[in-house]
Amino acid sequence: MSGLAAVQSEPITLALAALTAVWVIGSFVFKFNEEQSTVSSQSFDLRSAFSAALITKANAGNAFTLISVDSRKSAQVERIETDYPDYFLDLGVMEQCAAGVAAGLASCGHKVFVVGIASFITMRAYEQIRTVLSHGNYDVKIVGLWSGLYHTFQGHTHVPHEDVSIMRTLDNVSIYCPSTYVDMHNIIDRLFVERGFAYIRVESPFLSPTMREHGRESSDLDRLQILRRGHRVTIVSTGRSLFAAIAAADLLNDTDISCSVLNAIRIWPFDETTLLTALKTTDILVTVEEHGKVGGLASIISEILVQHGIDGVRHLPFSGSPKYPSNLAYGDALDSFGLTGVTISNAVAQMIARS
């Protein structure tokens, strides 16, 4: 082929290559979107539950103000902005400012929700939350997204495994941690009735079909939910870890180790009454949570045991690391910290065998 012919054919070759690339990419995108729609049709997401619950309230004539801290998309609240623009305010990356704005709106009678990444909204704005929202007991609800261990792959800056610890030191605070779509709706229902300051901890929001419900969803959030009844082992859990707790209990019950499961949707203030009743017939207590070892569920229950002088119960905690976990995929993080049904049940069985 002459040089001229080669030059003339080059644009045609490039065009064919471009068309082929477009076709391949288009096929991949179509397949990806098709797969994503299939997945989304088979599962629920706690973020969509939060948004849907607020829209239900708005449709019923309940006014509120939702402040997004650069979390419009990650919180999946775009529909609220579209359908109820007067109810929505996006402040960008301004967590500290959001606390002040929320207090100002609440002082004028607004019910305010502030949604943002948990590690930033609870820590970067802690002084403002403490000094203004908590001490003033304003009707403001902080919603912390991506709490727990989900974002370990992004490094320790995005792993708020001490948020319960620092938030429960505040005055006038209620802390909620949903594990299902129904839990989230019940929490929002409660917060529209309950005035005052609250924190909602949202861990990995993705719910598989087996996580849509845990069988005993209840609107009585003041009480621990009793999901399994037993007399030898009591497992207390909250949030996403609840499903590992249920799996562990089922495995233990299959081996004739009688096991109870208690779910703390409202983790603070804690329901001491139900716990103490369960411990009357239990000599092994297990706590399961996506939180650091200090200040979370394990610490709360340890404090209760000490305060009530209960010394005949062995406490086996399953939680995150006291150090900052990072650079792990979510599943690997759960495995690393033993937050699986098999690991928990094996540990309990070994403890019983040794005793």
Protein backbone atom coordinates (compact mmCIF):
# COMPACT_ATOMS: atom_id res chain seq x y z
CA MET A 1 0.00 0.00 0.00
CA SER A 2 1.31 3.39 -0.93
CA GLY A 3 1.87 6.09 1.68
CA LEU A 4 -1.11 8.09 0.31
CA ALA A 5 -3.46 5.08 0.57
CA ALA A 6 -2.33 4.39 4.11
CA VAL A 7 -3.01 7.97 5.10
CA GLN A 8 -6.46 7.89 3.46
CA SER A 9 -7.42 4.62 5.21
CA GLU A 10 -6.28 5.76 8.67
CA PRO A 11 -9.39 7.88 9.45
CA ILE A 12 -11.62 4.95 8.43
CA THR A 13 -9.70 2.61 10.72
CA LEU A 14 -9.91 5.05 13.60
CA ALA A 15 -13.65 5.54 13.04
CA LEU A 16 -14.26 1.79 13.05
CA ALA A 17 -12.21 1.46 16.22
CA ALA A 18 -14.18 4.27 17.86
CA LEU A 19 -17.52 2.69 16.87
CA THR A 20 -16.37 -0.65 18.24
CA ALA A 21 -15.33 0.97 21.51
CA VAL A 22 -18.67 2.77 21.78
CA TRP A 23 -20.53 -0.48 21.17
CA VAL A 24 -18.49 -2.37 23.78
CA ILE A 25 -18.83 0.38 26.39
CA GLY A 26 -22.51 0.80 25.62
CA SER A 27 -23.12 -2.92 26.04
CA PHE A 28 -21.25 -2.87 29.36
CA VAL A 29 -23.17 0.15 30.64
CA PHE A 30 -26.49 -1.40 29.63
CA LYS A 31 -25.58 -4.66 31.35
CA PHE A 32 -24.35 -2.79 34.46
CA ASN A 33 -27.51 -0.69 34.66
CA GLU A 34 -29.63 -3.78 34.14
CA GLU A 35 -27.79 -5.59 36.93
CA GLN A 36 -28.03 -2.57 39.22
CA SER A 37 -31.77 -2.27 38.68
CA THR A 38 -32.15 -5.96 39.46
CA VAL A 39 -30.15 -5.60 42.65
CA SER A 40 -32.02 -2.51 43.75
CA SER A 41 -35.35 -4.20 43.12
CA GLN A 42 -34.35 -7.04 45.44
CA SER A 43 -32.96 -5.01 48.31
CA PHE A 44 -33.67 -2.03 50.48
CA ASP A 45 -31.33 0.75 51.48
CA LEU A 46 -31.44 2.56 54.82
CA ARG A 47 -30.82 5.86 53.04
CA SER A 48 -33.86 5.39 50.83
CA ALA A 49 -35.79 4.41 53.97
CA PHE A 50 -34.77 7.70 55.59
CA SER A 51 -35.77 9.71 52.53
CA ALA A 52 -39.05 7.82 52.08
CA ALA A 53 -39.96 8.31 55.74
CA LEU A 54 -39.44 12.07 55.49
CA ILE A 55 -41.44 12.27 52.26
CA THR A 56 -44.28 10.37 53.95
CA LYS A 57 -44.24 12.96 56.72
CA ALA A 58 -44.17 15.83 54.24
CA ASN A 59 -47.08 14.34 52.28
CA ALA A 60 -49.04 14.17 55.53
CA GLY A 61 -48.45 17.88 56.16
CA ASN A 62 -45.62 17.62 58.68
CA ALA A 63 -43.13 20.43 58.14
CA PHE A 64 -39.38 20.05 58.70
CA THR A 65 -36.06 21.36 57.43
CA LEU A 66 -33.49 18.93 56.06
CA ILE A 67 -29.94 20.31 56.02
CA SER A 68 -27.51 18.41 53.82
CA VAL A 69 -23.80 18.73 54.49
CA ASP A 70 -22.55 17.99 50.98
CA SER A 71 -24.56 14.74 51.12
CA ARG A 72 -27.43 15.27 48.70
CA LYS A 73 -26.53 12.27 46.58
CA SER A 74 -24.83 10.08 49.17
CA ALA A 75 -27.87 10.45 51.43
CA GLN A 76 -30.28 9.84 48.51
CA VAL A 77 -32.39 12.87 49.41
CA GLU A 78 -32.57 14.46 45.95
CA ARG A 79 -36.31 13.79 45.76
CA ILE A 80 -36.91 15.87 48.88
CA GLU A 81 -35.03 18.74 47.27
CA THR A 82 -37.10 18.33 44.09
CA ASP A 83 -40.56 17.79 45.59
CA TYR A 84 -40.18 19.96 48.70
CA PRO A 85 -37.55 22.59 47.92
CA ASP A 86 -38.70 24.77 50.82
CA TYR A 87 -37.86 21.93 53.20
CA PHE A 88 -34.32 21.43 51.91
CA LEU A 89 -31.05 23.31 52.46
CA ASP A 90 -27.61 22.24 51.21
CA LEU A 91 -24.72 23.94 53.01
CA GLY A 92 -21.86 22.11 51.31
CA VAL A 93 -18.83 21.04 53.35
CA MET A 94 -19.79 23.12 56.39
CA GLU A 95 -20.51 20.76 59.30
CA GLN A 96 -19.77 23.36 61.99
CA CYS A 97 -21.90 25.97 60.27
CA ALA A 98 -24.71 23.42 59.87
CA ALA A 99 -24.93 22.97 63.65
CA GLY A 100 -25.36 26.70 64.12
CA VAL A 101 -27.91 27.05 61.32
CA ALA A 102 -29.85 24.07 62.69
CA ALA A 103 -29.95 25.66 66.15
CA GLY A 104 -31.19 28.94 64.67
CA LEU A 105 -33.96 27.25 62.72
CA ALA A 106 -34.97 25.11 65.70
CA SER A 107 -35.15 28.21 67.90
CA CYS A 108 -37.78 29.52 65.46
CA GLY A 109 -39.88 26.37 65.80
CA HIS A 110 -38.52 24.23 62.96
CA LYS A 111 -37.94 20.49 63.31
CA VAL A 112 -34.48 20.07 61.79
CA PHE A 113 -32.60 17.08 60.40
CA VAL A 114 -28.90 17.41 59.53
CA VAL A 115 -27.47 14.65 57.33
CA GLY A 116 -23.76 14.15 56.65
CA ILE A 117 -20.86 11.70 56.80
CA ALA A 118 -20.71 10.38 60.37
CA SER A 119 -16.97 10.82 60.85
CA PHE A 120 -17.21 14.50 59.91
CA ILE A 121 -20.56 15.56 61.32
CA THR A 122 -19.86 14.10 64.79
CA MET A 123 -16.20 15.11 65.10
CA ARG A 124 -15.52 18.20 63.03
CA ALA A 125 -18.63 19.87 64.44
CA TYR A 126 -18.44 18.36 67.93
CA GLU A 127 -17.84 21.65 69.75
CA GLN A 128 -20.82 23.32 68.06
CA ILE A 129 -23.02 20.26 68.64
CA ARG A 130 -22.01 20.14 72.30
CA THR A 131 -22.24 23.83 73.08
CA VAL A 132 -25.33 24.73 71.08
CA LEU A 133 -27.49 21.74 70.15
CA SER A 134 -26.91 19.51 73.18
CA HIS A 135 -26.83 22.10 75.95
CA GLY A 136 -29.77 23.94 74.39
CA ASN A 137 -31.63 20.66 73.75
CA TYR A 138 -32.81 21.97 70.39
CA ASP A 139 -35.17 19.91 68.27
CA VAL A 140 -32.39 18.85 65.90
CA LYS A 141 -31.65 15.32 64.68
CA ILE A 142 -28.14 14.54 63.40
CA VAL A 143 -28.01 11.69 60.87
CA GLY A 144 -24.51 10.21 60.52
CA LEU A 145 -24.00 8.24 57.30
CA TRP A 146 -21.45 5.46 56.70
CA SER A 147 -20.78 4.83 60.35
CA GLY A 148 -19.26 1.57 61.54
CA LEU A 149 -16.70 -0.24 59.40
CA TYR A 150 -18.01 0.16 55.85
CA HIS A 151 -15.53 2.86 54.77
CA THR A 152 -12.39 1.16 56.09
CA PHE A 153 -11.11 1.00 52.50
CA GLN A 154 -10.89 4.82 52.47
CA GLY A 155 -8.61 4.99 55.48
CA HIS A 156 -9.13 5.90 59.12
CA THR A 157 -10.41 9.42 58.37
CA HIS A 158 -13.67 7.84 57.17
CA VAL A 159 -14.10 5.25 59.95
CA PRO A 160 -16.11 6.81 62.79
CA HIS A 161 -15.81 3.85 65.14
CA GLU A 162 -16.04 6.12 68.19
CA ASP A 163 -19.16 8.14 67.32
CA VAL A 164 -21.41 6.47 69.92
CA SER A 165 -18.69 6.96 72.52
CA ILE A 166 -18.42 10.71 71.99
CA MET A 167 -22.09 11.40 71.30
CA ARG A 168 -23.40 9.70 74.44
CA THR A 169 -21.27 11.98 76.62
CA LEU A 170 -23.55 14.84 75.56
CA ASP A 171 -26.52 16.12 77.55
CA ASN A 172 -30.08 15.54 76.35
CA VAL A 173 -29.14 13.10 73.58
CA SER A 174 -30.92 10.01 72.30
CA ILE A 175 -28.93 7.70 70.01
CA TYR A 176 -30.62 5.39 67.51
CA CYS A 177 -29.09 2.70 65.30
CA PRO A 178 -31.48 1.05 62.80
CA SER A 179 -30.86 -2.35 61.29
CA THR A 180 -33.83 -2.56 58.90
CA TYR A 181 -36.02 -0.46 56.63
CA VAL A 182 -38.87 -0.71 59.15
CA ASP A 183 -36.58 0.37 62.01
CA MET A 184 -35.72 3.56 60.15
CA HIS A 185 -39.39 4.39 59.56
CA ASN A 186 -40.18 3.75 63.23
CA ILE A 187 -37.30 6.01 64.29
CA ILE A 188 -38.50 8.86 62.07
CA ASP A 189 -42.04 8.42 63.40
CA ARG A 190 -40.65 8.66 66.92
CA LEU A 191 -38.56 11.73 66.21
CA PHE A 192 -41.53 13.65 64.82
CA VAL A 193 -43.27 13.10 68.15
CA GLU A 194 -40.21 13.48 70.37
CA ARG A 195 -38.75 16.96 70.68
CA GLY A 196 -35.11 17.48 71.51
CA PHE A 197 -31.66 16.50 70.34
CA ALA A 198 -30.94 13.07 68.79
CA TYR A 199 -28.34 11.20 66.76
CA ILE A 200 -29.15 8.51 64.19
CA ARG A 201 -26.22 6.23 63.40
CA VAL A 202 -26.47 4.75 59.88
CA GLU A 203 -23.92 2.01 59.24
CA SER A 204 -23.62 0.24 55.87
CA PRO A 205 -27.00 1.17 54.37
CA PHE A 206 -27.20 -1.72 51.92
CA LEU A 207 -29.70 -4.37 52.95
CA SER A 208 -29.82 -7.78 51.27
CA PRO A 209 -33.20 -9.57 51.00
CA THR A 210 -32.39 -11.50 54.20
CA MET A 211 -31.88 -8.20 56.02
CA ARG A 212 -35.18 -6.60 55.16
CA GLU A 213 -36.58 -7.51 58.56
CA HIS A 214 -35.49 -9.28 61.68
CA GLY A 215 -38.93 -10.53 62.65
CA ARG A 216 -39.78 -8.34 65.64
CA GLU A 217 -39.83 -4.77 64.41
CA SER A 218 -41.57 -2.68 67.06
CA SER A 219 -42.43 0.95 67.46
CA ASP A 220 -41.54 0.76 71.18
CA LEU A 221 -38.00 2.03 70.79
CA ASP A 222 -37.54 2.56 74.53
CA ARG A 223 -37.21 -1.20 75.01
CA LEU A 224 -34.75 -3.79 73.78
CA GLN A 225 -36.45 -6.01 71.25
CA ILE A 226 -36.38 -9.70 72.17
CA LEU A 227 -35.76 -11.53 68.89
CA ARG A 228 -34.77 -14.91 70.33
CA ARG A 229 -35.51 -16.32 73.79
CA GLY A 230 -33.06 -18.56 75.64
CA HIS A 231 -31.54 -19.02 79.11
CA ARG A 232 -27.85 -19.92 78.70
CA VAL A 233 -26.48 -17.13 76.47
CA THR A 234 -27.72 -13.60 75.88
CA ILE A 235 -26.50 -11.74 72.78
CA VAL A 236 -27.09 -7.98 72.66
CA SER A 237 -26.51 -6.18 69.38
CA THR A 238 -27.41 -3.07 67.44
CA GLY A 239 -27.46 -1.89 63.82
CA ARG A 240 -26.04 -3.98 61.01
CA SER A 241 -24.29 -6.36 63.45
CA LEU A 242 -27.69 -7.63 64.55
CA PHE A 243 -27.78 -10.06 61.64
CA ALA A 244 -24.48 -11.63 62.69
CA ALA A 245 -25.90 -11.92 66.20
CA ILE A 246 -29.04 -13.65 64.93
CA ALA A 247 -26.98 -16.04 62.80
CA ALA A 248 -24.78 -16.88 65.81
CA ALA A 249 -27.82 -17.49 68.03
CA ASP A 250 -29.42 -19.80 65.47
CA LEU A 251 -26.18 -21.80 65.19
CA LEU A 252 -25.94 -22.07 68.98
CA ASN A 253 -29.59 -23.06 69.38
CA ASP A 254 -29.04 -25.80 66.77
CA THR A 255 -26.40 -27.28 69.10
CA ASP A 256 -28.74 -27.11 72.11
CA ILE A 257 -27.06 -24.02 73.57
CA SER A 258 -30.10 -21.94 74.49
CA CYS A 259 -29.55 -18.39 73.28
CA SER A 260 -31.42 -15.07 73.46
CA VAL A 261 -30.96 -12.10 71.13
CA LEU A 262 -31.75 -8.53 72.20
CA ASN A 263 -31.77 -5.67 69.71
CA ALA A 264 -31.00 -2.11 70.83
CA ILE A 265 -32.53 0.24 68.25
CA ARG A 266 -32.21 3.06 70.75
CA ILE A 267 -28.74 2.45 72.10
CA TRP A 268 -28.75 5.47 74.42
CA PRO A 269 -30.31 5.93 76.92
CA PHE A 270 -30.09 2.17 77.33
CA ASP A 271 -32.93 -0.10 78.46
CA GLU A 272 -31.47 -1.55 81.66
CA THR A 273 -34.72 -3.25 82.73
CA THR A 274 -34.97 -5.74 79.85
CA LEU A 275 -31.25 -6.49 80.02
CA LEU A 276 -31.27 -7.15 83.76
CA THR A 277 -34.28 -9.42 83.41
CA ALA A 278 -32.48 -11.47 80.75
CA LEU A 279 -29.36 -11.73 82.90
CA LYS A 280 -31.28 -13.39 85.74
CA THR A 281 -31.09 -16.69 83.81
CA THR A 282 -27.91 -16.09 81.82
CA ASP A 283 -24.27 -16.72 82.70
CA ILE A 284 -22.77 -15.68 79.33
CA LEU A 285 -23.34 -12.24 77.83
CA VAL A 286 -22.19 -11.41 74.28
CA THR A 287 -22.19 -7.94 72.71
CA VAL A 288 -21.87 -7.47 68.94
CA GLU A 289 -21.34 -4.05 67.35
CA GLU A 290 -19.58 -2.13 64.57
CA HIS A 291 -17.87 0.24 66.97
CA GLY A 292 -14.54 0.55 68.69
CA LYS A 293 -13.89 -1.27 71.95
CA VAL A 294 -14.25 1.91 74.02
CA GLY A 295 -17.51 3.71 74.71
CA GLY A 296 -19.93 1.74 72.56
CA LEU A 297 -22.40 -1.05 73.34
CA ALA A 298 -19.84 -3.22 75.17
CA SER A 299 -18.87 -0.29 77.41
CA ILE A 300 -22.48 0.69 78.08
CA ILE A 301 -23.35 -2.81 79.23
CA SER A 302 -20.14 -3.18 81.24
CA GLU A 303 -21.06 0.01 83.10
CA ILE A 304 -24.51 -1.42 83.87
CA LEU A 305 -23.00 -4.67 85.20
CA VAL A 306 -20.73 -2.72 87.53
CA GLN A 307 -23.44 -0.32 88.69
CA HIS A 308 -25.76 -3.19 89.62
CA GLY A 309 -23.05 -5.37 91.15
CA ILE A 310 -23.51 -8.24 88.70
CA ASP A 311 -20.38 -10.36 88.83
CA GLY A 312 -21.61 -13.83 87.88
CA VAL A 313 -21.84 -13.13 84.15
CA ARG A 314 -18.99 -13.62 81.70
CA HIS A 315 -18.96 -10.87 79.08
CA LEU A 316 -17.67 -11.68 75.59
CA PRO A 317 -17.48 -8.52 73.43
CA PHE A 318 -17.24 -8.49 69.62
CA SER A 319 -16.42 -5.08 68.19
CA GLY A 320 -13.96 -3.18 66.05
CA SER A 321 -10.36 -2.49 66.95
CA PRO A 322 -9.21 0.02 69.60
CA LYS A 323 -6.98 1.34 66.81
CA TYR A 324 -8.15 2.92 63.57
CA PRO A 325 -8.95 0.15 61.07
CA SER A 326 -8.15 1.07 57.47
CA ASN A 327 -7.46 -0.25 53.98
CA LEU A 328 -9.85 -3.18 54.29
CA ALA A 329 -12.84 -4.11 52.21
CA TYR A 330 -16.03 -4.17 54.28
CA GLY A 331 -16.35 -7.95 54.32
CA ASP A 332 -12.69 -8.31 55.26
CA ALA A 333 -13.14 -5.84 58.10
CA LEU A 334 -16.08 -7.81 59.49
CA ASP A 335 -14.07 -11.03 59.25
CA SER A 336 -11.03 -9.39 60.82
CA PHE A 337 -12.98 -8.32 63.90
CA GLY A 338 -15.00 -11.53 64.20
CA LEU A 339 -18.33 -9.93 63.36
CA THR A 340 -19.79 -13.04 61.71
CA GLY A 341 -22.26 -15.61 62.97
CA VAL A 342 -19.80 -18.50 62.68
CA THR A 343 -16.99 -16.72 64.55
CA ILE A 344 -19.29 -15.58 67.35
CA SER A 345 -20.97 -18.96 67.82
CA ASN A 346 -17.61 -20.78 67.80
CA ALA A 347 -16.22 -18.44 70.45
CA VAL A 348 -19.25 -18.95 72.69
CA ALA A 349 -19.13 -22.72 72.24
CA GLN A 350 -15.42 -22.75 73.15
CA MET A 351 -16.07 -20.65 76.26
CA ILE A 352 -18.75 -23.10 77.38
CA ALA A 353 -16.50 -26.08 76.67
CA ARG A 354 -13.68 -24.59 78.75
CA SER A 355 -16.03 -23.97 81.67
